[in-house]
Amino acid sequence: MTRGPGGMDLNQLMKQAQQMQAEMAKAQEQLAGEVVDASAGGGMVKVKMSGDLRLLELTIDPEAVDPDDAEVLADMVTAAVNEALRAAQQLAGERMGGIAGLGGPGGGPGIPGLPGA
């Protein structure tokens, strides 16, 4: 048994780190298959985003298209995409935070793309 500073078993620590890394990789793979939905403008703009933050689908109701006011449509798209990003990040935080022992939503310091990182 290899002991490090403070009497820690380095072999055990390495095994735990490898196990956590494997669990994180599996969770990331599962997130890619999960989907969150968001909408804006009373459902006139709808977004589907994967748990790994890929925009999967953007649907715009034809009534939302006003050539004289494209700015409103752009605002609705921005709002829907931002809401989907927030929901996907929350989902990732819930899945990944527990593995890393970082808690639930918002507990992901040091994990890129997660709240608190």
N, C-alpha and C. Protein backbone atom coordinates (compact mmCIF):
# COMPACT_ATOMS: atom_id res chain seq x y z
N MET A 1 0.85 -1.17 0.00
CA MET A 1 0.00 0.00 0.00
C MET A 1 0.90 1.24 0.00
N THR A 2 0.62 2.16 -0.89
CA THR A 2 1.39 3.39 -0.99
C THR A 2 0.68 4.48 -0.22
N ARG A 3 1.41 5.05 0.71
CA ARG A 3 0.83 6.13 1.51
C ARG A 3 1.44 7.45 1.09
N GLY A 4 0.58 8.44 0.93
CA GLY A 4 1.04 9.77 0.57
C GLY A 4 1.06 10.65 1.80
N PRO A 5 1.22 11.94 1.58
CA PRO A 5 1.20 12.88 2.70
C PRO A 5 -0.11 12.76 3.47
N GLY A 6 -0.01 12.77 4.76
CA GLY A 6 -1.20 12.69 5.59
C GLY A 6 -1.72 11.27 5.73
N GLY A 7 -0.95 10.26 5.26
CA GLY A 7 -1.35 8.87 5.42
C GLY A 7 -2.42 8.40 4.45
N MET A 8 -2.65 9.13 3.35
CA MET A 8 -3.67 8.74 2.37
C MET A 8 -3.16 7.58 1.53
N ASP A 9 -4.04 6.63 1.21
CA ASP A 9 -3.71 5.52 0.33
C ASP A 9 -3.83 6.01 -1.11
N LEU A 10 -2.69 6.24 -1.77
CA LEU A 10 -2.68 6.82 -3.11
C LEU A 10 -3.31 5.88 -4.14
N ASN A 11 -3.11 4.57 -3.99
CA ASN A 11 -3.72 3.62 -4.93
C ASN A 11 -5.24 3.70 -4.86
N GLN A 12 -5.78 3.75 -3.66
CA GLN A 12 -7.23 3.86 -3.48
C GLN A 12 -7.75 5.17 -4.05
N LEU A 13 -7.00 6.23 -3.82
CA LEU A 13 -7.38 7.54 -4.33
C LEU A 13 -7.42 7.53 -5.86
N MET A 14 -6.42 6.89 -6.49
CA MET A 14 -6.38 6.79 -7.96
C MET A 14 -7.57 5.98 -8.48
N LYS A 15 -7.90 4.89 -7.79
CA LYS A 15 -9.05 4.07 -8.21
C LYS A 15 -10.34 4.88 -8.13
N GLN A 16 -10.50 5.65 -7.06
CA GLN A 16 -11.69 6.48 -6.91
C GLN A 16 -11.77 7.54 -8.00
N ALA A 17 -10.63 8.14 -8.33
CA ALA A 17 -10.60 9.16 -9.38
C ALA A 17 -10.96 8.54 -10.73
N GLN A 18 -10.44 7.36 -11.02
CA GLN A 18 -10.75 6.69 -12.29
C GLN A 18 -12.23 6.31 -12.35
N GLN A 19 -12.78 5.85 -11.24
CA GLN A 19 -14.20 5.49 -11.21
C GLN A 19 -15.07 6.73 -11.43
N MET A 20 -14.71 7.83 -10.78
CA MET A 20 -15.47 9.06 -10.95
C MET A 20 -15.38 9.55 -12.40
N GLN A 21 -14.20 9.44 -13.00
CA GLN A 21 -14.02 9.85 -14.39
C GLN A 21 -14.90 9.01 -15.31
N ALA A 22 -14.98 7.71 -15.07
CA ALA A 22 -15.82 6.83 -15.89
C ALA A 22 -17.29 7.18 -15.72
N GLU A 23 -17.71 7.47 -14.48
CA GLU A 23 -19.10 7.84 -14.23
C GLU A 23 -19.44 9.17 -14.90
N MET A 24 -18.51 10.11 -14.87
CA MET A 24 -18.74 11.41 -15.52
C MET A 24 -18.88 11.23 -17.03
N ALA A 25 -18.03 10.40 -17.63
CA ALA A 25 -18.11 10.16 -19.08
C ALA A 25 -19.44 9.51 -19.44
N LYS A 26 -19.90 8.58 -18.62
CA LYS A 26 -21.18 7.92 -18.87
C LYS A 26 -22.32 8.93 -18.75
N ALA A 27 -22.28 9.79 -17.74
CA ALA A 27 -23.32 10.80 -17.55
C ALA A 27 -23.34 11.77 -18.71
N GLN A 28 -22.16 12.17 -19.21
CA GLN A 28 -22.11 13.07 -20.35
C GLN A 28 -22.72 12.42 -21.59
N GLU A 29 -22.45 11.14 -21.76
CA GLU A 29 -23.03 10.40 -22.88
C GLU A 29 -24.55 10.36 -22.78
N GLN A 30 -25.05 10.12 -21.57
CA GLN A 30 -26.49 10.08 -21.36
C GLN A 30 -27.12 11.45 -21.59
N LEU A 31 -26.44 12.51 -21.18
CA LEU A 31 -26.96 13.87 -21.38
C LEU A 31 -27.17 14.17 -22.86
N ALA A 32 -26.31 13.63 -23.71
CA ALA A 32 -26.44 13.88 -25.15
C ALA A 32 -27.77 13.36 -25.68
N GLY A 33 -28.33 12.36 -25.01
CA GLY A 33 -29.60 11.78 -25.44
C GLY A 33 -30.83 12.41 -24.79
N GLU A 34 -30.62 13.30 -23.83
CA GLU A 34 -31.75 13.94 -23.16
C GLU A 34 -32.10 15.25 -23.86
N VAL A 35 -33.37 15.62 -23.79
CA VAL A 35 -33.84 16.81 -24.50
C VAL A 35 -34.64 17.69 -23.54
N VAL A 36 -34.38 18.99 -23.61
CA VAL A 36 -35.19 19.96 -22.87
C VAL A 36 -35.90 20.83 -23.90
N ASP A 37 -37.07 21.31 -23.52
CA ASP A 37 -37.89 22.18 -24.38
C ASP A 37 -38.01 23.55 -23.73
N ALA A 38 -38.11 24.57 -24.57
CA ALA A 38 -38.37 25.92 -24.09
C ALA A 38 -39.14 26.65 -25.16
N SER A 39 -39.85 27.70 -24.74
CA SER A 39 -40.60 28.48 -25.72
C SER A 39 -40.64 29.94 -25.28
N ALA A 40 -41.02 30.79 -26.22
CA ALA A 40 -41.16 32.22 -25.94
C ALA A 40 -42.29 32.75 -26.81
N GLY A 41 -42.77 33.93 -26.44
CA GLY A 41 -43.84 34.55 -27.21
C GLY A 41 -45.12 33.75 -27.17
N GLY A 42 -45.41 33.18 -26.01
CA GLY A 42 -46.64 32.39 -25.88
C GLY A 42 -46.63 31.14 -26.75
N GLY A 43 -45.44 30.58 -26.98
CA GLY A 43 -45.32 29.37 -27.78
C GLY A 43 -45.09 29.62 -29.26
N MET A 44 -44.93 30.89 -29.64
CA MET A 44 -44.71 31.19 -31.06
C MET A 44 -43.32 30.76 -31.52
N VAL A 45 -42.37 30.71 -30.58
CA VAL A 45 -41.03 30.20 -30.87
C VAL A 45 -40.75 29.08 -29.89
N LYS A 46 -40.40 27.91 -30.43
CA LYS A 46 -40.11 26.74 -29.59
C LYS A 46 -38.72 26.22 -29.92
N VAL A 47 -38.03 25.76 -28.87
CA VAL A 47 -36.67 25.27 -29.00
C VAL A 47 -36.56 23.92 -28.30
N LYS A 48 -35.82 23.01 -28.93
CA LYS A 48 -35.43 21.75 -28.29
C LYS A 48 -33.92 21.73 -28.26
N MET A 49 -33.36 21.41 -27.08
CA MET A 49 -31.93 21.38 -26.91
C MET A 49 -31.54 20.10 -26.19
N SER A 50 -30.41 19.54 -26.60
CA SER A 50 -29.92 18.33 -25.94
C SER A 50 -29.29 18.70 -24.60
N GLY A 51 -29.16 17.68 -23.76
CA GLY A 51 -28.54 17.89 -22.46
C GLY A 51 -27.08 18.28 -22.55
N ASP A 52 -26.46 18.03 -23.72
CA ASP A 52 -25.07 18.45 -23.89
C ASP A 52 -24.98 19.76 -24.68
N LEU A 53 -26.05 20.53 -24.62
CA LEU A 53 -26.11 21.91 -25.12
C LEU A 53 -26.05 22.05 -26.64
N ARG A 54 -26.62 21.10 -27.36
CA ARG A 54 -26.74 21.23 -28.81
C ARG A 54 -28.16 21.64 -29.15
N LEU A 55 -28.31 22.66 -29.97
CA LEU A 55 -29.63 23.09 -30.43
C LEU A 55 -30.11 22.05 -31.43
N LEU A 56 -31.21 21.38 -31.11
CA LEU A 56 -31.72 20.30 -31.95
C LEU A 56 -32.81 20.76 -32.90
N GLU A 57 -33.65 21.67 -32.40
CA GLU A 57 -34.80 22.09 -33.21
C GLU A 57 -35.22 23.50 -32.82
N LEU A 58 -35.57 24.26 -33.83
CA LEU A 58 -36.10 25.61 -33.64
C LEU A 58 -37.36 25.71 -34.50
N THR A 59 -38.50 25.95 -33.86
CA THR A 59 -39.76 26.06 -34.58
C THR A 59 -40.32 27.46 -34.39
N ILE A 60 -40.70 28.08 -35.51
CA ILE A 60 -41.26 29.43 -35.47
C ILE A 60 -42.65 29.40 -36.11
N ASP A 61 -43.64 29.81 -35.34
CA ASP A 61 -45.01 29.90 -35.85
C ASP A 61 -45.03 30.96 -36.96
N PRO A 62 -45.62 30.65 -38.11
CA PRO A 62 -45.66 31.63 -39.20
C PRO A 62 -46.25 32.98 -38.79
N GLU A 63 -47.15 32.98 -37.81
CA GLU A 63 -47.73 34.25 -37.35
C GLU A 63 -46.71 35.14 -36.66
N ALA A 64 -45.57 34.55 -36.24
CA ALA A 64 -44.54 35.34 -35.56
C ALA A 64 -43.67 36.09 -36.55
N VAL A 65 -43.81 35.77 -37.83
CA VAL A 65 -42.97 36.39 -38.85
C VAL A 65 -43.65 37.64 -39.39
N ASP A 66 -43.17 38.78 -38.94
CA ASP A 66 -43.66 40.08 -39.39
C ASP A 66 -42.49 40.81 -40.02
N PRO A 67 -42.47 40.91 -41.36
CA PRO A 67 -41.33 41.54 -42.03
C PRO A 67 -41.04 42.97 -41.54
N ASP A 68 -42.06 43.62 -40.99
CA ASP A 68 -41.86 44.98 -40.50
C ASP A 68 -41.34 45.02 -39.07
N ASP A 69 -41.27 43.86 -38.40
CA ASP A 69 -40.81 43.85 -37.01
C ASP A 69 -39.99 42.58 -36.74
N ALA A 70 -38.93 42.41 -37.48
CA ALA A 70 -38.05 41.25 -37.31
C ALA A 70 -37.38 41.25 -35.94
N GLU A 71 -37.25 42.42 -35.33
CA GLU A 71 -36.59 42.52 -34.03
C GLU A 71 -37.36 41.75 -32.95
N VAL A 72 -38.68 41.78 -33.00
CA VAL A 72 -39.48 41.04 -32.01
C VAL A 72 -39.24 39.55 -32.17
N LEU A 73 -39.21 39.07 -33.40
CA LEU A 73 -38.95 37.65 -33.65
C LEU A 73 -37.55 37.28 -33.14
N ALA A 74 -36.58 38.11 -33.42
CA ALA A 74 -35.22 37.84 -32.94
C ALA A 74 -35.19 37.78 -31.42
N ASP A 75 -35.91 38.65 -30.75
CA ASP A 75 -35.97 38.64 -29.29
C ASP A 75 -36.61 37.35 -28.77
N MET A 76 -37.67 36.89 -29.45
CA MET A 76 -38.33 35.64 -29.03
C MET A 76 -37.40 34.45 -29.22
N VAL A 77 -36.67 34.41 -30.32
CA VAL A 77 -35.72 33.32 -30.56
C VAL A 77 -34.63 33.34 -29.50
N THR A 78 -34.09 34.51 -29.23
CA THR A 78 -33.05 34.64 -28.22
C THR A 78 -33.57 34.17 -26.86
N ALA A 79 -34.76 34.59 -26.48
CA ALA A 79 -35.33 34.20 -25.19
C ALA A 79 -35.54 32.69 -25.11
N ALA A 80 -36.06 32.09 -26.16
CA ALA A 80 -36.31 30.64 -26.15
C ALA A 80 -35.00 29.86 -26.07
N VAL A 81 -34.00 30.27 -26.84
CA VAL A 81 -32.71 29.57 -26.82
C VAL A 81 -32.05 29.72 -25.45
N ASN A 82 -32.08 30.92 -24.89
CA ASN A 82 -31.48 31.13 -23.57
C ASN A 82 -32.19 30.31 -22.50
N GLU A 83 -33.49 30.19 -22.57
CA GLU A 83 -34.23 29.38 -21.60
C GLU A 83 -33.87 27.91 -21.76
N ALA A 84 -33.74 27.45 -23.00
CA ALA A 84 -33.36 26.05 -23.24
C ALA A 84 -31.94 25.80 -22.73
N LEU A 85 -31.03 26.73 -22.94
CA LEU A 85 -29.67 26.60 -22.41
C LEU A 85 -29.68 26.49 -20.89
N ARG A 86 -30.46 27.36 -20.25
CA ARG A 86 -30.54 27.33 -18.79
C ARG A 86 -31.06 25.99 -18.31
N ALA A 87 -32.12 25.48 -18.96
CA ALA A 87 -32.70 24.20 -18.56
C ALA A 87 -31.71 23.05 -18.79
N ALA A 88 -30.99 23.08 -19.90
CA ALA A 88 -30.01 22.03 -20.19
C ALA A 88 -28.85 22.08 -19.20
N GLN A 89 -28.41 23.27 -18.83
CA GLN A 89 -27.34 23.41 -17.85
C GLN A 89 -27.80 22.92 -16.47
N GLN A 90 -29.04 23.20 -16.14
CA GLN A 90 -29.58 22.73 -14.86
C GLN A 90 -29.62 21.21 -14.85
N LEU A 91 -30.08 20.62 -15.95
CA LEU A 91 -30.13 19.17 -16.07
C LEU A 91 -28.72 18.58 -15.93
N ALA A 92 -27.75 19.17 -16.61
CA ALA A 92 -26.37 18.70 -16.51
C ALA A 92 -25.85 18.83 -15.09
N GLY A 93 -26.17 19.92 -14.43
CA GLY A 93 -25.73 20.12 -13.06
C GLY A 93 -26.31 19.07 -12.12
N GLU A 94 -27.56 18.71 -12.35
CA GLU A 94 -28.20 17.69 -11.52
C GLU A 94 -27.55 16.33 -11.75
N ARG A 95 -27.26 16.00 -13.01
CA ARG A 95 -26.68 14.69 -13.33
C ARG A 95 -25.20 14.59 -12.92
N MET A 96 -24.44 15.63 -13.23
CA MET A 96 -23.00 15.58 -13.02
C MET A 96 -22.61 15.95 -11.59
N GLY A 97 -23.36 16.83 -10.97
CA GLY A 97 -23.00 17.27 -9.63
C GLY A 97 -23.01 16.16 -8.61
N GLY A 98 -23.97 15.26 -8.72
CA GLY A 98 -24.04 14.15 -7.79
C GLY A 98 -22.87 13.21 -7.92
N ILE A 99 -22.40 13.01 -9.13
CA ILE A 99 -21.27 12.11 -9.36
C ILE A 99 -20.01 12.67 -8.74
N ALA A 100 -19.80 13.96 -8.94
CA ALA A 100 -18.59 14.60 -8.45
C ALA A 100 -18.68 14.96 -6.97
N GLY A 101 -19.83 14.67 -6.35
CA GLY A 101 -19.99 15.02 -4.95
C GLY A 101 -20.14 16.51 -4.75
N LEU A 102 -20.65 17.17 -5.79
CA LEU A 102 -20.77 18.62 -5.75
C LEU A 102 -22.18 19.08 -5.45
N GLY A 103 -23.07 18.16 -5.20
CA GLY A 103 -24.44 18.55 -4.91
C GLY A 103 -25.29 18.60 -6.15
N GLY A 104 -26.43 19.23 -6.02
CA GLY A 104 -27.40 19.29 -7.12
C GLY A 104 -27.20 20.47 -8.02
N PRO A 105 -28.29 21.09 -8.47
CA PRO A 105 -28.23 22.19 -9.42
C PRO A 105 -27.35 23.33 -8.93
N GLY A 106 -26.53 23.83 -9.84
CA GLY A 106 -25.69 24.95 -9.49
C GLY A 106 -24.45 24.56 -8.72
N GLY A 107 -24.25 23.26 -8.49
CA GLY A 107 -23.12 22.83 -7.69
C GLY A 107 -21.98 22.32 -8.52
N GLY A 108 -21.72 22.93 -9.64
CA GLY A 108 -20.69 22.39 -10.50
C GLY A 108 -19.48 23.26 -10.72
N PRO A 109 -18.85 23.80 -9.69
CA PRO A 109 -17.67 24.62 -9.94
C PRO A 109 -16.58 23.79 -10.60
N GLY A 110 -15.96 24.37 -11.60
CA GLY A 110 -14.87 23.69 -12.27
C GLY A 110 -15.30 22.82 -13.41
N ILE A 111 -16.58 22.64 -13.64
CA ILE A 111 -17.06 21.85 -14.78
C ILE A 111 -17.55 22.83 -15.82
N PRO A 112 -16.83 22.94 -16.97
CA PRO A 112 -17.21 23.92 -17.98
C PRO A 112 -18.65 23.76 -18.43
N GLY A 113 -19.32 24.88 -18.58
CA GLY A 113 -20.69 24.87 -19.07
C GLY A 113 -21.73 24.69 -17.99
N LEU A 114 -21.32 24.43 -16.76
CA LEU A 114 -22.29 24.24 -15.69
C LEU A 114 -22.36 25.51 -14.85
N PRO A 115 -23.53 25.75 -14.28
CA PRO A 115 -23.65 26.93 -13.42
C PRO A 115 -22.60 26.87 -12.31
N GLY A 116 -22.00 27.98 -12.03
CA GLY A 116 -21.01 28.06 -10.99
C GLY A 116 -19.60 27.77 -11.48
N ALA A 117 -19.47 27.39 -12.77
CA ALA A 117 -18.13 27.07 -13.28
C ALA A 117 -17.38 28.32 -13.64
